[in-house]
Amino acid sequence: MLASEDISTANDSLLTKVLSLHPQVALRPEPFGALAYHFDNRRLVFLKHPDVVTVVSALHPPLTLAEVLTQCGISPRRWPSFQTAIASLLGSEMLHEH
């Protein structure tokens, strides 16, 4: 298991990554946020906040995650929760790195 410092460092490194929605993933808007469905691995993920949907939808090269968060008007104090959500989406193959 990773120590909390290791997790923080891993999440901080996400800020410099160029990410996008996997080409096999579709987002379906919902009142709570959105559903993300991966057509290859058949995973279904709930995006539980509209701001997360906004950020995920804005991810595209050549922008880094930090640039997208800034562009979407997300306060830097909220970035750690977004980094955790993005790390989870990467782990479930909803997003991919360029």
Protein backbone atom coordinates (compact mmCIF):
# COMPACT_ATOMS: atom_id res chain seq x y z
CA MET A 1 0.00 0.00 0.00
CA LEU A 2 1.24 3.50 -0.81
CA ALA A 3 1.93 6.00 1.93
CA SER A 4 -0.12 9.20 1.77
CA GLU A 5 2.95 11.13 0.53
CA ASP A 6 3.37 8.64 -2.33
CA ILE A 7 -0.28 9.02 -3.30
CA SER A 8 0.01 12.81 -3.19
CA THR A 9 3.14 12.70 -5.37
CA ALA A 10 1.47 10.32 -7.84
CA ASN A 11 -1.57 12.59 -8.07
CA ASP A 12 0.63 15.69 -8.48
CA SER A 13 2.32 14.06 -11.47
CA LEU A 14 -1.11 13.84 -13.13
CA LEU A 15 -1.13 17.63 -13.47
CA THR A 16 1.55 17.47 -16.16
CA LYS A 17 -0.05 14.66 -18.16
CA VAL A 18 -1.90 15.13 -21.43
CA LEU A 19 -5.07 13.06 -21.20
CA SER A 20 -8.27 12.49 -23.11
CA LEU A 21 -11.40 10.38 -23.02
CA HIS A 22 -10.69 6.93 -24.41
CA PRO A 23 -12.07 6.65 -27.98
CA GLN A 24 -14.22 3.69 -26.92
CA VAL A 25 -15.91 5.64 -24.09
CA ALA A 26 -19.20 7.47 -24.36
CA LEU A 27 -20.51 9.97 -21.83
CA ARG A 28 -24.24 10.19 -21.18
CA PRO A 29 -25.35 13.33 -19.33
CA GLU A 30 -27.39 12.74 -16.18
CA PRO A 31 -28.83 15.13 -13.57
CA PHE A 32 -26.05 14.14 -11.12
CA GLY A 33 -23.23 14.41 -13.70
CA ALA A 34 -22.81 11.66 -16.29
CA LEU A 35 -22.43 7.97 -16.97
CA ALA A 36 -19.27 6.87 -18.74
CA TYR A 37 -19.47 3.57 -20.61
CA HIS A 38 -16.45 1.81 -22.10
CA PHE A 39 -17.55 -0.26 -25.10
CA ASP A 40 -14.47 -2.51 -25.08
CA ASN A 41 -14.27 -3.54 -21.43
CA ARG A 42 -17.96 -2.86 -20.69
CA ARG A 43 -17.22 -0.85 -17.57
CA LEU A 44 -19.74 1.69 -16.39
CA VAL A 45 -18.57 4.60 -14.23
CA PHE A 46 -20.64 7.31 -12.59
CA LEU A 47 -19.24 10.84 -12.80
CA LYS A 48 -20.98 12.25 -9.76
CA HIS A 49 -20.43 15.98 -10.22
CA PRO A 50 -21.07 18.24 -13.22
CA ASP A 51 -17.64 19.88 -12.75
CA VAL A 52 -15.94 16.51 -13.21
CA VAL A 53 -17.91 16.03 -16.43
CA THR A 54 -16.83 19.48 -17.60
CA VAL A 55 -13.16 18.70 -16.94
CA VAL A 56 -13.29 15.22 -18.51
CA SER A 57 -15.03 16.63 -21.58
CA ALA A 58 -12.35 19.33 -21.92
CA LEU A 59 -9.40 16.92 -21.76
CA HIS A 60 -7.67 16.84 -25.14
CA PRO A 61 -4.14 17.23 -26.50
CA PRO A 62 -2.05 19.29 -26.19
CA LEU A 63 -3.47 20.53 -22.87
CA THR A 64 -2.21 19.13 -19.58
CA LEU A 65 -4.59 18.34 -16.74
CA ALA A 66 -3.45 21.51 -14.93
CA GLU A 67 -4.22 23.61 -18.01
CA VAL A 68 -7.67 22.03 -18.35
CA LEU A 69 -8.47 22.59 -14.67
CA THR A 70 -7.46 26.24 -15.04
CA GLN A 71 -9.39 26.64 -18.30
CA CYS A 72 -12.50 25.16 -16.66
CA GLY A 73 -12.26 27.61 -13.76
CA ILE A 74 -11.59 24.98 -11.10
CA SER A 75 -10.08 26.55 -7.99
CA PRO A 76 -6.60 25.15 -7.17
CA ARG A 77 -7.84 24.21 -3.69
CA ARG A 78 -10.21 21.72 -5.39
CA TRP A 79 -7.51 20.18 -7.60
CA PRO A 80 -6.64 17.30 -5.22
CA SER A 81 -10.18 15.89 -5.43
CA PHE A 82 -10.11 16.20 -9.23
CA GLN A 83 -6.71 14.49 -9.37
CA THR A 84 -8.14 11.59 -7.35
CA ALA A 85 -11.13 11.32 -9.70
CA ILE A 86 -8.91 11.50 -12.80
CA ALA A 87 -6.56 8.84 -11.37
CA SER A 88 -9.56 6.57 -10.86
CA LEU A 89 -10.77 7.18 -14.43
CA LEU A 90 -7.29 6.37 -15.76
CA GLY A 91 -7.27 3.17 -13.73
CA SER A 92 -10.60 2.09 -15.17
CA GLU A 93 -9.40 2.92 -18.71
CA MET A 94 -12.02 5.62 -19.22
CA LEU A 95 -9.19 8.05 -19.96
CA HIS A 96 -5.90 7.49 -21.68
CA GLU A 97 -2.60 9.31 -21.72
CA HIS A 98 -0.98 10.82 -24.82
